[in-house]
Amino acid sequence: RAPSKKGLLFVKEMKTGSSTVSGIVLRIARNVAKRTNNKNFMCLSRFDHSAARDMGYHERDPRESFLFTVIRNPQKRLTSQFFHFFVSRQKMEPNDNNFQAFFRKMPYMQDYYLRDLSLIPAEQKVRRKFIHRYSPYNLAQEDPENLKNLRLGLANGIMRGYDFIGITERMDESLVVMMMLLRLKISDMLYIKAKSSGGFDDGAFNNTCTYIVPSFLSPGMKSYFKSDHYAERSLGDWILYRAANKSLDMTIDQLGPAKVEERLKQFRAAQKVASDKCSLGIRYPCSVGGVRQPYRTHFSEHTDCLWLDSACGYECLDSLEPEIEEMIEQGRY
């Protein structure tokens, strides 16, 4: 979690499937270290919910690092965050007033991606107020054209500054494309989902397992998402989300759509094998009944995970490599 200028660097955006992707990062770092006879248990990697600037990624060495993130439809991400942190953990009533208050009273939620992913050093005065994680901005006092240019500039800087940006709604495609870019094996990218609604979280909050209340959108919430208030405060995130989707399409075109589609079929077949053989019996940080496993720090010998609820079932997934390689070689997918 310490800042780094080298290695596989993943910026975790909240409620984008980032715990699952963190597990993939861990398995990549572990598997590549094994294959290359690295003296360390893992190759250098980083994954944290801290802002990219706080992790020092604006000073990274592009020749010795791979910086990436995964982003989600802004409306879905915001809804998931409300239900996870406020409804589930703080027992807030999931009504329309509380939902709107959550967004209105938390400046960090406004253009969240631009603020969190920006590589502009925090000490630079230019644009500092806009990109500061907790600094609100008064749209009534901002010049609309200037604000638009700021957003476009920040989004463009993010697109240029990152080696890859995946899309939650296109997770399989994103993982396959990243695998091809880094010349990894399909077995490196296998995963078991870290958490889902209707289950328990990792228990790290107050050392207590929290049941994740399934999210929903009431008519009032849907209406709010169509309002000018929401549109004005989320425009930057939508700019980046659409640009990242377009960039993923263009990367697929560069790699060759037919090649990507073939690898995607192989990956999905491998994922089915992983799900069938590794999903049952995994010891998570929180049991099915919501009991927290004993922990010293972020690792516990009482679970089958490498870090909290990331890379759960890693030993089972690792054991599938020969079977997956044989399946692909024989065209059984």
Protein backbone atom coordinates (compact mmCIF):
# COMPACT_ATOMS: atom_id res chain seq x y z
CA ARG A 1 0.00 0.00 0.00
CA ALA A 2 3.05 2.27 0.10
CA PRO A 3 3.67 4.61 -2.86
CA SER A 4 5.66 3.05 -5.69
CA LYS A 5 7.16 4.08 -9.02
CA LYS A 6 7.50 0.53 -10.34
CA GLY A 7 5.47 -2.63 -10.71
CA LEU A 8 1.87 -3.54 -11.48
CA LEU A 9 -0.04 -0.52 -10.14
CA PHE A 10 -3.81 -0.72 -9.69
CA VAL A 11 -5.90 2.25 -8.54
CA LYS A 12 -8.94 0.82 -6.77
CA GLU A 13 -12.11 2.79 -7.40
CA MET A 14 -14.87 2.12 -4.90
CA LYS A 15 -17.67 -0.26 -5.93
CA THR A 16 -16.29 -1.16 -9.33
CA GLY A 17 -15.37 -4.78 -8.62
CA SER A 18 -11.98 -3.59 -7.42
CA SER A 19 -11.54 -6.21 -4.67
CA THR A 20 -11.95 -8.93 -7.27
CA VAL A 21 -9.46 -7.21 -9.60
CA SER A 22 -7.05 -6.76 -6.69
CA GLY A 23 -7.12 -10.53 -6.33
CA ILE A 24 -6.16 -10.89 -9.99
CA VAL A 25 -3.29 -8.44 -9.44
CA LEU A 26 -2.07 -10.56 -6.53
CA ARG A 27 -2.25 -13.77 -8.54
CA ILE A 28 -0.44 -12.19 -11.50
CA ALA A 29 2.33 -10.92 -9.22
CA ARG A 30 2.61 -14.32 -7.54
CA ASN A 31 2.48 -16.41 -10.71
CA VAL A 32 4.93 -14.30 -12.69
CA ALA A 33 7.36 -14.38 -9.77
CA LYS A 34 7.19 -18.18 -9.84
CA ARG A 35 7.67 -18.42 -13.60
CA THR A 36 10.63 -16.06 -13.62
CA ASN A 37 12.30 -17.57 -10.54
CA ASN A 38 12.02 -14.24 -8.79
CA LYS A 39 13.72 -14.29 -5.39
CA ASN A 40 10.65 -12.64 -3.89
CA PHE A 41 7.32 -14.30 -3.13
CA MET A 42 5.66 -11.82 -5.49
CA CYS A 43 6.61 -9.33 -8.15
CA LEU A 44 6.12 -5.71 -7.11
CA SER A 45 2.47 -4.67 -7.18
CA ARG A 46 0.20 -2.11 -5.58
CA PHE A 47 -3.55 -1.90 -5.04
CA ASP A 48 -5.25 0.60 -2.79
CA HIS A 49 -8.28 2.89 -2.55
CA SER A 50 -5.98 5.90 -2.17
CA ALA A 51 -5.99 8.56 -4.88
CA ALA A 52 -3.40 8.06 -7.63
CA ARG A 53 -1.54 11.22 -6.57
CA ASP A 54 -1.32 10.03 -2.96
CA MET A 55 0.32 6.83 -4.21
CA GLY A 56 2.88 8.87 -6.13
CA TYR A 57 1.89 7.42 -9.49
CA HIS A 58 2.47 10.76 -11.20
CA GLU A 59 6.18 10.05 -10.61
CA ARG A 60 6.18 6.42 -11.76
CA ASP A 61 8.69 5.02 -14.21
CA PRO A 62 6.65 4.15 -17.35
CA ARG A 63 9.34 1.70 -18.47
CA GLU A 64 9.09 -0.34 -15.28
CA SER A 65 5.43 -0.06 -14.39
CA PHE A 66 1.95 -0.76 -15.67
CA LEU A 67 -0.69 1.61 -14.29
CA PHE A 68 -4.33 0.69 -14.66
CA THR A 69 -7.76 1.00 -13.12
CA VAL A 70 -11.32 -0.23 -13.67
CA ILE A 71 -14.31 2.11 -13.77
CA ARG A 72 -18.04 1.48 -13.75
CA ASN A 73 -21.17 3.16 -15.04
CA PRO A 74 -21.25 6.23 -12.72
CA GLN A 75 -24.91 5.79 -11.78
CA LYS A 76 -24.47 2.13 -10.89
CA ARG A 77 -21.29 2.85 -8.93
CA LEU A 78 -22.93 5.64 -6.93
CA THR A 79 -25.98 3.49 -6.14
CA SER A 80 -23.80 0.59 -5.04
CA GLN A 81 -21.73 2.87 -2.80
CA PHE A 82 -24.84 4.29 -1.14
CA PHE A 83 -26.19 0.84 -0.33
CA HIS A 84 -22.84 -0.60 0.75
CA PHE A 85 -21.51 2.13 3.00
CA PHE A 86 -24.65 3.86 4.21
CA VAL A 87 -27.57 1.44 4.03
CA SER A 88 -25.61 -1.71 4.93
CA ARG A 89 -22.97 -0.36 7.31
CA GLN A 90 -24.69 2.67 8.82
CA LYS A 91 -28.22 1.20 8.70
CA MET A 92 -29.53 4.25 6.85
CA GLU A 93 -33.04 3.96 5.46
CA PRO A 94 -32.77 3.59 1.63
CA ASN A 95 -35.27 6.31 0.77
CA ASP A 96 -35.10 9.04 -1.84
CA ASN A 97 -34.22 11.86 0.58
CA ASN A 98 -31.30 9.96 2.10
CA PHE A 99 -30.01 8.97 -1.32
CA GLN A 100 -29.97 12.55 -2.59
CA ALA A 101 -28.50 13.86 0.67
CA PHE A 102 -25.70 11.29 0.39
CA PHE A 103 -24.67 12.68 -2.99
CA ARG A 104 -25.29 16.35 -2.21
CA LYS A 105 -23.35 16.37 1.08
CA MET A 106 -20.29 14.47 -0.12
CA PRO A 107 -18.22 16.62 -2.48
CA TYR A 108 -15.92 13.67 -3.13
CA MET A 109 -18.74 11.94 -5.00
CA GLN A 110 -18.90 14.78 -7.51
CA ASP A 111 -16.71 13.84 -10.50
CA TYR A 112 -15.28 11.09 -8.33
CA TYR A 113 -13.18 9.47 -11.07
CA LEU A 114 -11.55 12.73 -12.14
CA ARG A 115 -10.62 13.59 -8.57
CA ASP A 116 -9.34 10.13 -7.64
CA LEU A 117 -7.54 9.10 -10.82
CA SER A 118 -5.94 12.40 -11.78
CA LEU A 119 -2.15 12.32 -11.96
CA ILE A 120 -1.77 16.06 -11.46
CA PRO A 121 0.42 16.48 -8.35
CA ALA A 122 -1.58 17.81 -5.42
CA GLU A 123 1.02 20.51 -4.71
CA GLN A 124 0.44 22.20 -8.06
CA LYS A 125 -1.80 25.20 -7.63
CA VAL A 126 -3.33 24.96 -11.09
CA ARG A 127 -6.65 23.12 -10.91
CA ARG A 128 -5.87 22.12 -7.33
CA LYS A 129 -9.26 23.05 -5.91
CA PHE A 130 -11.05 21.08 -8.60
CA ILE A 131 -9.10 17.88 -8.19
CA HIS A 132 -8.78 17.97 -4.40
CA ARG A 133 -10.49 14.88 -3.04
CA TYR A 134 -12.79 16.65 -0.57
CA SER A 135 -13.06 20.16 -1.95
CA PRO A 136 -16.56 21.16 -3.11
CA TYR A 137 -17.02 23.49 -6.01
CA ASN A 138 -19.86 25.92 -6.44
CA LEU A 139 -21.17 25.52 -9.96
CA ALA A 140 -22.99 28.83 -9.73
CA GLN A 141 -19.64 30.57 -9.26
CA GLU A 142 -17.71 28.61 -11.89
CA ASP A 143 -17.46 29.71 -15.47
CA PRO A 144 -19.22 26.90 -17.41
CA GLU A 145 -16.74 26.95 -20.28
CA ASN A 146 -13.78 26.93 -17.92
CA LEU A 147 -15.28 24.05 -15.94
CA LYS A 148 -15.90 22.09 -19.12
CA ASN A 149 -12.32 22.60 -20.25
CA LEU A 150 -11.02 21.54 -16.83
CA ARG A 151 -13.00 18.32 -16.99
CA LEU A 152 -11.92 17.56 -20.52
CA GLY A 153 -8.31 18.29 -19.62
CA LEU A 154 -8.38 16.05 -16.57
CA ALA A 155 -10.11 13.21 -18.44
CA ASN A 156 -7.61 13.51 -21.28
CA GLY A 157 -4.73 13.47 -18.80
CA ILE A 158 -6.07 10.30 -17.21
CA MET A 159 -6.53 8.58 -20.56
CA ARG A 160 -2.96 9.47 -21.54
CA GLY A 161 -1.43 8.77 -18.14
CA TYR A 162 -2.78 5.24 -17.63
CA ASP A 163 -1.60 2.16 -19.50
CA PHE A 164 -5.06 0.62 -19.39
CA ILE A 165 -8.57 1.38 -18.12
CA GLY A 166 -11.00 -1.51 -17.83
CA ILE A 167 -14.78 -1.34 -17.66
CA THR A 168 -16.76 -3.17 -14.97
CA GLU A 169 -19.68 -3.85 -17.30
CA ARG A 170 -17.17 -5.36 -19.76
CA MET A 171 -15.04 -7.14 -17.18
CA ASP A 172 -14.30 -10.28 -19.20
CA GLU A 173 -13.30 -8.26 -22.26
CA SER A 174 -11.19 -5.94 -20.12
CA LEU A 175 -9.30 -8.79 -18.47
CA VAL A 176 -8.66 -10.52 -21.77
CA VAL A 177 -7.37 -7.34 -23.39
CA MET A 178 -5.10 -6.63 -20.43
CA MET A 179 -3.88 -10.23 -20.54
CA MET A 180 -2.98 -9.84 -24.22
CA LEU A 181 -1.24 -6.51 -23.64
CA LEU A 182 0.88 -7.98 -20.84
CA ARG A 183 1.33 -11.38 -22.56
CA LEU A 184 -0.01 -13.27 -19.60
CA LYS A 185 -1.69 -16.67 -19.38
CA ILE A 186 -5.42 -17.18 -19.16
CA SER A 187 -4.90 -19.01 -15.89
CA ASP A 188 -3.39 -15.81 -14.44
CA MET A 189 -6.66 -13.95 -14.91
CA LEU A 190 -9.05 -16.43 -13.28
CA TYR A 191 -11.00 -15.24 -10.28
CA ILE A 192 -13.75 -15.95 -7.79
CA LYS A 193 -15.80 -12.82 -7.05
CA ALA A 194 -14.76 -11.14 -3.81
CA LYS A 195 -18.23 -10.05 -2.72
CA SER A 196 -21.76 -9.55 -3.98
CA SER A 197 -25.02 -8.08 -2.75
CA GLY A 198 -26.96 -10.46 -0.57
CA GLY A 199 -23.77 -11.71 1.09
CA PHE A 200 -21.26 -10.39 3.64
CA ASP A 201 -18.33 -8.02 3.16
CA ASP A 202 -14.73 -8.70 4.24
CA GLY A 203 -15.39 -7.78 7.87
CA ALA A 204 -12.61 -5.19 7.93
CA PHE A 205 -14.94 -2.38 9.02
CA ASN A 206 -14.96 -2.44 12.84
CA ASN A 207 -13.82 -6.05 12.60
CA THR A 208 -17.47 -6.98 12.00
CA CYS A 209 -19.10 -8.81 9.12
CA THR A 210 -21.69 -6.60 7.44
CA TYR A 211 -24.53 -7.99 5.37
CA ILE A 212 -24.60 -6.23 1.98
CA VAL A 213 -28.16 -5.10 1.33
CA PRO A 214 -29.06 -5.62 -2.35
CA SER A 215 -29.31 -2.26 -4.08
CA PHE A 216 -32.31 -1.02 -6.02
CA LEU A 217 -33.49 2.14 -7.72
CA SER A 218 -36.77 3.65 -6.59
CA PRO A 219 -38.75 5.88 -8.98
CA GLY A 220 -37.44 8.87 -7.02
CA MET A 221 -33.82 7.76 -7.41
CA LYS A 222 -34.32 7.23 -11.14
CA SER A 223 -35.85 10.69 -11.37
CA TYR A 224 -32.87 12.22 -9.55
CA PHE A 225 -30.45 10.66 -12.03
CA LYS A 226 -32.29 12.57 -14.77
CA SER A 227 -32.02 15.89 -12.90
CA ASP A 228 -29.76 18.81 -13.78
CA HIS A 229 -28.25 18.65 -10.28
CA TYR A 230 -26.91 15.14 -10.86
CA ALA A 231 -25.90 15.82 -14.47
CA GLU A 232 -23.89 18.93 -13.54
CA ARG A 233 -21.95 17.11 -10.82
CA SER A 234 -21.22 13.90 -12.66
CA LEU A 235 -20.41 15.16 -16.15
CA GLY A 236 -16.67 14.63 -15.71
CA ASP A 237 -17.13 10.99 -14.73
CA TRP A 238 -19.36 10.36 -17.73
CA ILE A 239 -16.80 11.96 -20.02
CA LEU A 240 -14.12 9.60 -18.72
CA TYR A 241 -16.40 6.55 -18.71
CA ARG A 242 -17.37 7.05 -22.36
CA ALA A 243 -13.77 7.75 -23.37
CA ALA A 244 -12.58 4.58 -21.60
CA ASN A 245 -15.24 2.52 -23.37
CA LYS A 246 -14.17 3.97 -26.71
CA SER A 247 -10.52 3.34 -25.88
CA LEU A 248 -11.29 -0.31 -25.07
CA ASP A 249 -13.01 -0.66 -28.45
CA MET A 250 -10.02 0.88 -30.22
CA THR A 251 -7.57 -1.38 -28.36
CA ILE A 252 -9.59 -4.42 -29.43
CA ASP A 253 -9.43 -3.17 -33.02
CA GLN A 254 -5.65 -2.83 -32.73
CA LEU A 255 -5.21 -6.30 -31.27
CA GLY A 256 -7.57 -7.80 -33.83
CA PRO A 257 -11.27 -8.39 -33.04
CA ALA A 258 -11.12 -12.02 -34.14
CA LYS A 259 -8.11 -12.73 -31.92
CA VAL A 260 -9.72 -11.03 -28.94
CA GLU A 261 -12.98 -12.91 -29.48
CA GLU A 262 -11.12 -16.23 -29.61
CA ARG A 263 -9.24 -15.47 -26.41
CA LEU A 264 -12.49 -14.30 -24.82
CA LYS A 265 -14.12 -17.67 -25.57
CA GLN A 266 -11.14 -19.44 -24.05
CA PHE A 267 -11.24 -17.23 -20.97
CA ARG A 268 -14.95 -17.74 -20.37
CA ALA A 269 -14.56 -21.49 -20.73
CA ALA A 270 -11.69 -21.38 -18.23
CA GLN A 271 -13.76 -19.24 -15.86
CA LYS A 272 -16.54 -21.84 -15.96
CA VAL A 273 -14.05 -24.53 -14.98
CA ALA A 274 -12.79 -22.30 -12.18
CA SER A 275 -16.30 -21.59 -10.93
CA ASP A 276 -17.31 -25.25 -11.04
CA LYS A 277 -14.22 -26.52 -9.26
CA CYS A 278 -13.20 -23.70 -6.92
CA SER A 279 -16.31 -21.81 -5.80
CA LEU A 280 -17.57 -24.27 -3.21
CA GLY A 281 -15.82 -24.63 0.11
CA ILE A 282 -13.77 -21.42 -0.04
CA ARG A 283 -13.06 -19.99 3.39
CA TYR A 284 -13.82 -16.26 3.16
CA PRO A 285 -13.06 -13.63 5.84
CA CYS A 286 -16.75 -13.78 6.78
CA SER A 287 -18.62 -17.05 6.94
CA VAL A 288 -22.01 -17.65 5.33
CA GLY A 289 -23.51 -16.90 8.72
CA GLY A 290 -21.58 -13.62 9.11
CA VAL A 291 -18.86 -14.78 11.52
CA ARG A 292 -15.52 -12.99 11.15
CA GLN A 293 -12.44 -15.20 10.90
CA PRO A 294 -9.45 -14.48 13.20
CA TYR A 295 -7.05 -11.97 11.63
CA ARG A 296 -3.63 -10.66 12.56
CA THR A 297 -3.46 -7.95 9.89
CA HIS A 298 -4.90 -8.32 6.38
CA PHE A 299 -4.03 -12.00 6.04
CA SER A 300 -5.39 -14.97 7.93
CA GLU A 301 -4.46 -18.63 7.81
CA HIS A 302 -8.14 -19.26 8.53
CA THR A 303 -9.16 -18.15 5.02
CA ASP A 304 -8.28 -19.16 1.46
CA CYS A 305 -7.55 -15.57 0.43
CA LEU A 306 -4.29 -13.71 -0.11
CA TRP A 307 -5.49 -10.33 1.20
CA LEU A 308 -8.79 -9.84 3.04
CA ASP A 309 -11.39 -10.99 0.48
CA SER A 310 -9.08 -10.68 -2.55
CA ALA A 311 -7.68 -13.68 -4.43
CA CYS A 312 -9.89 -16.09 -2.51
CA GLY A 313 -9.48 -19.65 -3.70
CA TYR A 314 -6.06 -18.84 -5.15
CA GLU A 315 -4.56 -22.26 -4.47
CA CYS A 316 -7.43 -24.00 -6.27
CA LEU A 317 -7.22 -21.53 -9.17
CA ASP A 318 -3.46 -22.02 -9.44
CA SER A 319 -3.89 -25.79 -9.58
CA LEU A 320 -6.07 -25.48 -12.69
CA GLU A 321 -3.29 -24.18 -14.95
CA PRO A 322 -2.36 -27.57 -16.54
CA GLU A 323 -6.01 -28.42 -17.14
CA ILE A 324 -6.75 -25.02 -18.66
CA GLU A 325 -3.69 -25.17 -20.92
CA GLU A 326 -4.69 -28.64 -22.13
CA MET A 327 -8.28 -27.55 -22.73
CA ILE A 328 -7.13 -24.62 -24.87
CA GLU A 329 -4.54 -26.67 -26.75
CA GLN A 330 -7.16 -29.28 -27.66
CA GLY A 331 -9.75 -26.64 -28.59
CA ARG A 332 -12.29 -27.83 -26.00
CA TYR A 333 -13.99 -24.51 -25.38
